Each structure stands twice: as structure tokens, then as C-alpha cells.
Amino acid sequence: MNKIDLKYLFEGLQNQMISQLSTNRKFITHAGSKGDSLENAWIEWLRKYLPNRYSVDKAIVIDFKGNTSQQIDIVIYDNWFTPFIFSQNGFHYIPAEGVYAVFEVKPDISGRSEGITNVQYAAEKIESVRKLKRTTTSIISVGQKQKPRGLTKIVGGILTSTKSGSRNNNETLKKHLTGQKGLKGIDFGCVADYGSFFVDYVGGENQDITDIEKRYKDYYLKRKVKNINFSKVENSLVSFFLQLTRYLQQSIGTVAAIDLQAYSNSINEEIDKEL
């Protein structure tokens, strides 16, 4: 039986992305252009390797009441069951129900933006998405009507090219990450030339809470950081991608069905609930 060295293939994948990010950081000097270039590099890479059921874009997330998130550098969202994506003046507006994950992209995870650390900046972007109101409704599965499911988690993270400062000490970064609590909690991220990381939380949803939105928010408010795990630098992008895929497939699964009547109410229309 012929065999191929998977480690060799993963090394090739890692080197391709590192090269692209390093080129952008070195030769593009305008801050805005550099930021756009880095975002586009990450988006292009995720689009290439994620299954087609997931879409990846820069976007603003909306809810059925018209509330909006901040502008999000990368949104991974459902491409199968989300019935509409708005595009206006060059912006995508994605219903909150269709969102799987959101990321802030920065050149340096140790840097600062608008007077706060990049980690805090990313956390505020993540919170602006998680606090939006999401609907859920019944579906037909195997010919049977199923009750509305609970709200799925929205994974939040930060993606950067490098980490300035000490390369042998993660304590400051850990302090910044553990300081983001509640809806601001960061789940994982990647520093391309340093390593990926994920935050190991303890705590689960309280199934006794019948209000699905309250139960969802209660989970974020009460979960606690157990540990923060870092990958080897040579596996930064590969380990990040595997962690992302595990979140999408084994932790989130499929987003809940959207209550289309909630959105129809914004145009004062009634849709038929039964066929």
C-alpha cells in the first residue's frame, strides 16, 4: 500500500500561508491597505480550505430588530440554511442566526487599537455579535415537526501575523485573554509566526433555563477559564484550522432555523406558517 507523509503536506500548507502573510506585512506600508491585505489573505485561505457549506466574508451582522454589530473582519456563516444575505454599498449584512464564527484580524497580537489592546479590541467586536437577538423555530425532520432548538454558540477569535515583545513568555497574553469575560470571551486564535491557541473553559448550559436567549447568555456569563493551550510555532496554522473545524463540526453543528415571520414583521407582512 502506498503512503504519503501527512506531516509533509501540513508543512507545505503552513509554509504557503506564512509566506503570504509575511509578504503582506513587509511590503505594504499604508496602515489601511496593510489591514485590508491581511484580512483578504485570511479570508482567501479559509475559503480555500473550509467545506463549501461555510461562507467567509467581511461583514456586519444584523438581527430581526435591525440592530447591527460592529464591522467584523471575518465572519464564517451558514451557506445552506440562511435564506438571505443583504448587500448594500459594498457591505454584507448577515442575519445573526446564520453566524458560526467571527474573527478580528490584526498584524500583531501584542499591539493596540484605539487606545486598548488588540485582544480587548477583538473581544468587543465579538461581543457586538453575540449580544444580537437571534430567533429559532421548528423544522421538519424525517417528516416530523421538531421543536425549536436552542441557540448555537458563536465562536470568537483573533488572527494575527506576529507577536512582538518576549517570544518565550505567554503570561501577558494569557492575562489579556483571561480578562475577556462574558460575551467578550475569546475562544481561540492564531499568531502565524508564533503559534495558535485555544482557551479551555469550564461550565455548560443550564438546561433548566427555558428561555433560550437567557440560557445562551447565562452560559457565557458563568463559564470560567481553566487553561490556555498554545501550539508549536511550526504547526500554528494547521492546528488553528483543525481546531476551527472541530468547533464547527463537533461543537456547533448546524445553525438553528430562522423564524422568518420575525423578519417579515419589519415590512409589516404576514407569511403562511403552515403548508
Protein backbone atom coordinates (compact mmCIF):
# COMPACT_ATOMS: atom_id res chain seq x y z
CA MET A 1 0.00 0.00 0.00
CA ASN A 2 1.34 3.44 -0.98
CA LYS A 3 1.60 6.03 1.77
CA ILE A 4 2.16 9.77 1.94
CA ASP A 5 3.65 11.72 4.82
CA LEU A 6 0.81 13.86 6.20
CA LYS A 7 3.28 15.88 8.21
CA TYR A 8 4.99 16.89 4.97
CA LEU A 9 1.65 18.00 3.45
CA PHE A 10 0.75 20.01 6.55
CA GLU A 11 4.20 21.65 6.49
CA GLY A 12 3.58 22.70 2.89
CA LEU A 13 0.21 24.20 3.80
CA GLN A 14 1.76 26.03 6.74
CA ASN A 15 4.57 27.48 4.65
CA GLN A 16 2.20 28.76 1.94
CA MET A 17 0.17 30.84 4.37
CA ILE A 18 3.18 32.09 6.33
CA SER A 19 4.77 33.28 3.07
CA GLN A 20 1.63 35.14 2.02
CA LEU A 21 1.15 36.86 5.36
CA SER A 22 4.84 37.77 5.65
CA THR A 23 4.87 39.35 2.19
CA ASN A 24 1.83 41.47 3.01
CA ARG A 25 3.34 42.66 6.29
CA LYS A 26 6.74 43.51 4.76
CA PHE A 27 5.87 45.32 1.55
CA ILE A 28 2.56 47.09 2.26
CA THR A 29 3.26 50.11 4.45
CA HIS A 30 -0.04 52.03 4.45
CA ALA A 31 -1.92 51.03 7.61
CA GLY A 32 -5.32 50.75 5.95
CA SER A 33 -4.00 48.88 2.94
CA LYS A 34 -1.98 46.53 5.15
CA GLY A 35 -5.06 45.78 7.23
CA ASP A 36 -7.19 45.06 4.17
CA SER A 37 -4.46 42.89 2.68
CA LEU A 38 -4.11 40.80 5.83
CA GLU A 39 -7.88 40.36 6.12
CA ASN A 40 -8.12 39.30 2.48
CA ALA A 41 -5.27 36.81 2.93
CA TRP A 42 -7.02 35.11 5.85
CA ILE A 43 -10.38 35.16 4.05
CA GLU A 44 -8.88 33.65 0.90
CA TRP A 45 -7.19 30.90 2.90
CA LEU A 46 -10.32 29.99 4.86
CA ARG A 47 -12.46 29.96 1.72
CA LYS A 48 -9.98 27.62 0.07
CA TYR A 49 -9.92 25.00 2.81
CA LEU A 50 -13.29 25.14 4.58
CA PRO A 51 -16.12 22.97 3.14
CA ASN A 52 -18.49 24.75 0.75
CA ARG A 53 -21.30 24.78 3.31
CA TYR A 54 -19.45 27.61 5.06
CA SER A 55 -19.15 31.11 3.59
CA VAL A 56 -16.43 33.54 4.65
CA ASP A 57 -16.69 37.33 4.29
CA LYS A 58 -16.04 40.67 5.91
CA ALA A 59 -19.47 41.71 7.14
CA ILE A 60 -21.81 43.40 9.56
CA VAL A 61 -24.15 41.10 11.47
CA ILE A 62 -27.80 42.12 11.95
CA ASP A 63 -30.79 40.86 13.90
CA PHE A 64 -34.54 40.88 13.23
CA LYS A 65 -34.96 44.14 15.16
CA GLY A 66 -32.47 45.95 12.93
CA ASN A 67 -29.65 46.00 15.48
CA THR A 68 -26.17 45.68 14.00
CA SER A 69 -22.78 44.51 15.16
CA GLN A 70 -19.58 46.41 14.61
CA GLN A 71 -17.88 45.73 11.28
CA ILE A 72 -16.34 42.26 11.56
CA ASP A 73 -13.15 41.40 9.67
CA ILE A 74 -14.09 37.74 9.14
CA VAL A 75 -17.49 36.13 9.53
CA ILE A 76 -17.93 32.41 8.92
CA TYR A 77 -21.60 31.82 8.25
CA ASP A 78 -24.06 29.24 7.02
CA ASN A 79 -24.42 28.80 3.26
CA TRP A 80 -27.16 26.17 3.28
CA PHE A 81 -29.99 27.20 5.57
CA THR A 82 -29.63 31.00 5.76
CA PRO A 83 -32.25 32.26 3.28
CA PHE A 84 -30.97 35.79 2.68
CA ILE A 85 -27.78 37.84 2.86
CA PHE A 86 -28.12 41.58 2.28
CA SER A 87 -25.50 43.51 0.30
CA GLN A 88 -25.64 47.31 0.40
CA ASN A 89 -22.97 49.83 -0.63
CA GLY A 90 -20.28 47.17 -0.66
CA PHE A 91 -21.16 45.71 2.75
CA HIS A 92 -22.59 42.29 3.52
CA TYR A 93 -25.28 42.20 6.20
CA ILE A 94 -25.65 38.70 7.59
CA PRO A 95 -28.55 37.58 9.84
CA ALA A 96 -27.25 36.69 13.30
CA GLU A 97 -28.92 33.28 13.10
CA GLY A 98 -26.56 32.21 10.29
CA VAL A 99 -23.27 33.05 12.05
CA TYR A 100 -20.87 30.32 13.17
CA ALA A 101 -17.71 32.26 14.00
CA VAL A 102 -16.24 35.77 13.96
CA PHE A 103 -12.63 36.94 13.94
CA GLU A 104 -10.72 40.18 14.27
CA VAL A 105 -7.56 40.42 12.13
CA LYS A 106 -4.54 42.40 13.33
CA PRO A 107 -0.84 42.45 12.35
CA ASP A 108 0.38 42.00 15.95
CA ILE A 109 -1.49 40.30 18.80
CA SER A 110 0.51 42.40 21.27
CA GLY A 111 -0.41 45.70 19.60
CA ARG A 112 -3.05 48.28 20.45
CA SER A 113 -6.03 49.77 18.58
CA GLU A 114 -7.98 52.87 19.56
CA GLY A 115 -6.34 53.03 22.99
CA ILE A 116 -6.92 49.40 24.04
CA THR A 117 -5.07 46.14 23.43
CA ASN A 118 -5.81 44.24 20.25
CA VAL A 119 -7.15 41.39 22.37
CA GLN A 120 -9.64 43.75 24.05
CA TYR A 121 -10.50 45.24 20.67
CA ALA A 122 -11.27 41.79 19.28
CA ALA A 123 -13.33 40.93 22.37
CA GLU A 124 -15.53 44.00 21.89
CA LYS A 125 -16.13 43.06 18.25
CA ILE A 126 -17.11 39.53 19.32
CA GLU A 127 -19.47 40.86 21.99
CA SER A 128 -21.21 43.11 19.44
CA VAL A 129 -22.22 39.96 17.53
CA ARG A 130 -23.10 37.71 20.47
CA LYS A 131 -25.44 40.26 22.05
CA LEU A 132 -27.67 40.46 18.98
CA LYS A 133 -31.07 38.80 19.25
CA ARG A 134 -31.49 35.53 17.37
CA THR A 135 -34.65 33.65 16.53
CA THR A 136 -35.22 29.92 16.34
CA THR A 137 -38.20 27.98 15.12
CA SER A 138 -39.49 24.48 14.50
CA ILE A 139 -38.37 22.44 11.50
CA ILE A 140 -39.49 19.31 9.68
CA SER A 141 -37.02 16.43 10.08
CA VAL A 142 -37.68 12.95 8.66
CA GLY A 143 -41.27 14.01 8.08
CA GLN A 144 -41.83 15.03 11.70
CA LYS A 145 -42.14 18.51 13.16
CA GLN A 146 -39.33 19.17 15.64
CA LYS A 147 -39.40 21.73 18.43
CA PRO A 148 -37.20 24.86 18.10
CA ARG A 149 -33.65 24.08 19.15
CA GLY A 150 -31.52 26.20 21.46
CA LEU A 151 -29.20 28.92 20.21
CA THR A 152 -25.86 27.68 18.94
CA LYS A 153 -22.62 29.16 20.22
CA ILE A 154 -20.88 31.86 18.21
CA VAL A 155 -17.15 31.17 18.27
CA GLY A 156 -14.93 34.25 18.57
CA GLY A 157 -11.22 34.72 17.96
CA ILE A 158 -8.31 36.85 16.83
CA LEU A 159 -5.93 36.22 13.91
CA THR A 160 -2.55 37.93 13.66
CA SER A 161 0.74 37.65 11.82
CA THR A 162 3.13 38.06 14.72
CA LYS A 163 3.65 38.63 18.43
CA SER A 164 6.00 41.41 19.47
CA GLY A 165 7.81 41.50 22.80
CA SER A 166 9.04 38.39 24.57
CA ARG A 167 8.84 35.26 22.45
CA ASN A 168 9.32 32.94 25.40
CA ASN A 169 6.68 34.26 27.79
CA ASN A 170 2.94 33.83 27.30
CA GLU A 171 1.91 35.22 30.68
CA THR A 172 1.00 38.73 29.47
CA LEU A 173 -1.02 37.33 26.56
CA LYS A 174 -2.73 34.86 28.88
CA LYS A 175 -3.64 37.72 31.22
CA HIS A 176 -5.22 39.68 28.37
CA LEU A 177 -7.15 36.63 27.13
CA THR A 178 -8.48 35.60 30.56
CA GLY A 179 -9.52 39.21 31.17
CA GLN A 180 -12.20 38.99 28.47
CA LYS A 181 -15.32 37.75 30.22
CA GLY A 182 -18.97 37.11 29.46
CA LEU A 183 -19.99 37.76 25.86
CA LYS A 184 -16.47 39.14 25.25
CA GLY A 185 -14.82 35.79 25.91
CA ILE A 186 -12.31 34.74 23.23
CA ASP A 187 -12.33 31.06 22.26
CA PHE A 188 -9.18 30.72 20.19
CA GLY A 189 -6.88 32.34 17.69
CA CYS A 190 -3.70 32.17 15.68
CA VAL A 191 -0.41 34.06 15.58
CA ALA A 192 1.04 32.86 12.30
CA ASP A 193 4.73 33.03 13.21
CA TYR A 194 4.27 32.16 16.89
CA GLY A 195 1.56 29.53 17.35
CA SER A 196 -2.17 29.05 17.63
CA PHE A 197 -4.02 28.87 20.94
CA PHE A 198 -7.37 27.87 22.37
CA VAL A 199 -8.95 28.84 25.66
CA ASP A 200 -10.16 25.84 27.65
CA TYR A 201 -13.32 26.85 29.53
CA VAL A 202 -15.30 25.00 32.19
CA GLY A 203 -19.05 25.31 32.52
CA GLY A 204 -22.01 24.33 30.39
CA GLU A 205 -25.52 25.48 29.58
CA ASN A 206 -28.09 25.24 32.33
CA GLN A 207 -30.80 23.16 30.66
CA ASP A 208 -33.27 24.10 33.39
CA ILE A 209 -33.45 27.63 31.96
CA THR A 210 -36.33 27.52 29.48
CA ASP A 211 -35.75 30.97 27.97
CA ILE A 212 -33.29 30.09 25.18
CA GLU A 213 -31.72 33.54 24.96
CA LYS A 214 -31.26 33.75 28.72
CA ARG A 215 -29.76 30.24 28.75
CA TYR A 216 -27.32 31.17 25.97
CA LYS A 217 -26.15 34.34 27.71
CA ASP A 218 -26.00 32.62 31.09
CA TYR A 219 -23.53 30.13 29.61
CA TYR A 220 -21.12 32.90 28.60
CA LEU A 221 -21.52 34.84 31.83
CA LYS A 222 -20.75 31.83 34.03
CA ARG A 223 -18.08 29.90 32.14
CA LYS A 224 -14.57 30.13 33.59
CA VAL A 225 -11.12 29.83 32.05
CA LYS A 226 -9.43 26.58 33.02
CA ASN A 227 -6.33 26.84 30.87
CA ILE A 228 -4.94 28.35 27.67
CA ASN A 229 -3.14 25.96 25.34
CA PHE A 230 -0.55 27.02 22.73
CA SER A 231 0.59 25.02 19.72
CA LYS A 232 4.13 24.69 18.41
CA VAL A 233 5.11 27.53 16.11
CA GLU A 234 5.68 25.15 13.19
CA ASN A 235 2.07 23.98 13.45
CA SER A 236 0.38 27.37 14.03
CA LEU A 237 -1.93 27.49 11.02
CA VAL A 238 -2.59 23.78 10.77
CA SER A 239 -3.52 23.44 14.45
CA PHE A 240 -5.72 26.55 14.21
CA PHE A 241 -7.53 25.13 11.20
CA LEU A 242 -8.09 21.76 12.87
CA GLN A 243 -9.40 23.49 15.99
CA LEU A 244 -11.75 25.66 13.91
CA THR A 245 -13.07 22.64 12.04
CA ARG A 246 -13.69 20.81 15.29
CA TYR A 247 -15.67 23.76 16.67
CA LEU A 248 -17.75 23.95 13.50
CA GLN A 249 -18.47 20.26 13.08
CA GLN A 250 -18.44 18.83 16.60
CA SER A 251 -19.38 21.73 18.86
CA ILE A 252 -21.80 23.83 16.80
CA GLY A 253 -23.08 21.50 14.09
CA THR A 254 -25.82 23.27 12.13
CA VAL A 255 -27.31 26.65 12.94
CA ALA A 256 -30.93 26.83 14.09
CA ALA A 257 -33.75 27.60 11.65
CA ILE A 258 -34.65 31.29 11.31
CA ASP A 259 -38.11 32.48 12.30
CA LEU A 260 -38.88 34.25 9.03
CA GLN A 261 -42.01 35.87 10.44
CA ALA A 262 -39.83 37.88 12.82
CA TYR A 263 -38.08 39.39 9.80
CA SER A 264 -41.33 39.77 7.85
CA ASN A 265 -42.64 41.94 10.67
CA SER A 266 -40.12 44.62 9.66
CA ILE A 267 -42.06 45.12 6.41
CA ASN A 268 -45.50 44.56 8.01
CA GLU A 269 -46.16 41.35 6.12
CA GLU A 270 -47.58 38.02 7.24
CA ILE A 271 -46.28 34.73 5.86
CA ASP A 272 -48.12 31.42 5.88
CA LYS A 273 -46.88 29.35 8.81
CA GLU A 274 -48.41 26.08 7.59
CA LEU A 275 -48.48 24.47 4.16
